[in-house]
Protein backbone atom coordinates (compact mmCIF):
# COMPACT_ATOMS: atom_id res chain seq x y z
CA MET A 1 0.32 0.04 -0.04
CA SER A 2 3.03 2.43 0.19
CA TYR A 3 3.90 2.47 -3.11
CA ALA A 4 0.25 3.19 -4.21
CA PHE A 5 0.37 5.78 -1.62
CA LEU A 6 3.70 7.31 -3.01
CA LEU A 7 2.59 7.06 -6.79
CA VAL A 8 -0.47 9.07 -6.04
CA ALA A 9 1.25 11.38 -4.30
CA ILE A 10 3.90 11.60 -7.27
CA ILE A 11 1.05 12.18 -9.34
CA ALA A 12 -0.41 15.00 -7.40
CA GLU A 13 2.72 16.80 -7.21
CA VAL A 14 3.14 16.66 -11.23
CA ILE A 15 -0.53 17.99 -11.37
CA ALA A 16 0.59 20.68 -9.02
CA THR A 17 4.22 21.60 -10.01
CA SER A 18 2.17 21.87 -13.74
CA ALA A 19 -0.50 23.92 -12.21
CA LEU A 20 2.38 26.24 -10.73
CA LYS A 21 3.53 27.54 -13.98
CA GLN A 22 -0.19 28.27 -14.79
CA SER A 23 -0.91 30.10 -11.76
CA ASN A 24 1.33 33.20 -12.84
CA GLY A 25 2.94 33.49 -9.64
CA PHE A 26 -0.36 33.16 -7.66
CA THR A 27 -2.40 35.49 -9.73
CA ARG A 28 -4.62 33.22 -11.28
CA GLY A 29 -7.18 31.34 -9.35
CA TRP A 30 -7.84 27.97 -10.22
CA PRO A 31 -4.76 27.07 -11.19
CA THR A 32 -3.50 28.61 -7.60
CA LEU A 33 -5.90 26.27 -5.83
CA VAL A 34 -5.01 23.25 -7.87
CA THR A 35 -1.25 23.86 -7.09
CA ILE A 36 -1.99 24.51 -3.22
CA VAL A 37 -4.19 21.62 -3.20
CA GLY A 38 -2.29 19.31 -5.19
CA TYR A 39 0.68 19.85 -2.88
CA VAL A 40 -1.14 19.31 0.20
CA VAL A 41 -2.71 15.92 -0.99
CA ALA A 42 1.36 14.96 -2.43
CA PHE A 43 2.84 15.78 1.44
CA TYR A 44 -0.03 14.33 2.89
CA LEU A 45 0.16 10.67 1.04
CA LEU A 46 3.74 11.08 1.02
CA SER A 47 3.91 11.04 4.95
CA LEU A 48 2.07 7.57 4.78
CA ALA A 49 4.19 6.13 2.56
CA LEU A 50 6.93 7.03 4.96
CA ARG A 51 5.31 5.28 7.54
CA THR A 52 6.82 2.01 6.06
CA LEU A 53 9.00 2.83 3.19
CA PRO A 54 12.74 4.56 4.05
CA THR A 55 13.01 7.99 3.69
CA GLY A 56 15.84 7.62 1.25
CA ILE A 57 14.16 5.41 -1.22
CA ALA A 58 10.88 7.25 -1.28
CA TYR A 59 12.37 10.54 -1.51
CA ALA A 60 14.63 9.02 -4.76
CA ILE A 61 11.46 7.58 -6.27
CA TRP A 62 9.59 10.67 -5.75
CA SER A 63 12.07 13.39 -6.72
CA GLY A 64 13.15 10.79 -9.90
CA VAL A 65 9.79 9.85 -11.23
CA GLY A 66 8.48 13.48 -10.63
CA ILE A 67 11.55 15.22 -12.73
CA VAL A 68 10.63 12.66 -15.21
CA LEU A 69 7.16 13.32 -15.86
CA VAL A 70 6.70 16.84 -14.52
CA THR A 71 9.35 17.04 -18.11
CA ALA A 72 7.00 15.14 -20.15
CA VAL A 73 4.16 17.22 -19.29
CA ALA A 74 6.14 20.20 -20.04
CA TRP A 75 6.98 19.00 -23.40
CA PHE A 76 3.48 17.59 -24.27
CA TRP A 77 1.91 20.56 -22.77
CA HIS A 78 3.79 23.52 -22.86
CA GLY A 79 5.77 22.73 -25.90
CA GLN A 80 9.36 22.45 -24.06
CA ARG A 81 11.87 20.38 -25.95
CA LEU A 82 14.62 18.59 -24.76
CA ASP A 83 17.95 18.02 -26.75
CA THR A 84 19.96 14.68 -26.55
CA PRO A 85 21.87 15.21 -23.56
CA ALA A 86 18.60 16.18 -21.50
CA LEU A 87 17.06 13.06 -22.63
CA LEU A 88 20.33 11.15 -21.97
CA GLY A 89 20.03 12.75 -18.17
CA MET A 90 16.12 11.58 -17.94
CA ALA A 91 17.43 8.03 -18.97
CA LEU A 92 19.67 7.99 -16.28
CA ILE A 93 17.61 9.11 -13.65
CA VAL A 94 15.01 6.40 -14.30
CA ALA A 95 17.69 3.72 -14.55
CA GLY A 96 18.75 5.14 -10.80
CA VAL A 97 15.09 4.81 -9.73
CA LEU A 98 15.28 1.49 -11.55
CA VAL A 99 18.60 0.04 -9.94
CA MET A 100 17.71 1.04 -6.10
CA ASN A 101 14.51 -0.55 -6.39
CA LEU A 102 15.51 -3.79 -8.21
CA PHE A 103 18.65 -4.30 -6.14
CA SER A 104 18.78 -2.43 -3.10
CA GLY A 105 17.86 -4.21 0.14
CA GLN A 106 16.29 -0.84 1.28
CA ALA A 107 14.28 -0.67 -1.16
CA HIS A 108 11.79 -3.35 0.54
CA GLY A 109 12.55 -2.15 4.49
């Protein structure tokens, strides 16, 4: 269940971060509300995941997957493009998260 909490927390954080750009410095109502609610939900669910997941593992997953997803949203929604070194860096982030989860004894408690 902890990984489910973490996954939903990551999705909420990605939504909040994406809405943050649209909030225009918290001057637009709906995007500001989505940002605030998204971050509250994200951190609450992260706190639930941390009841059983090691902090370092949970944060590595949170930040790594979050970076990739926020970048994907920026690419598709905001038209931001990545060059080859940026794409390679993203692949290394994903590889790092996978290595931690598949091979680290810490990932499973």
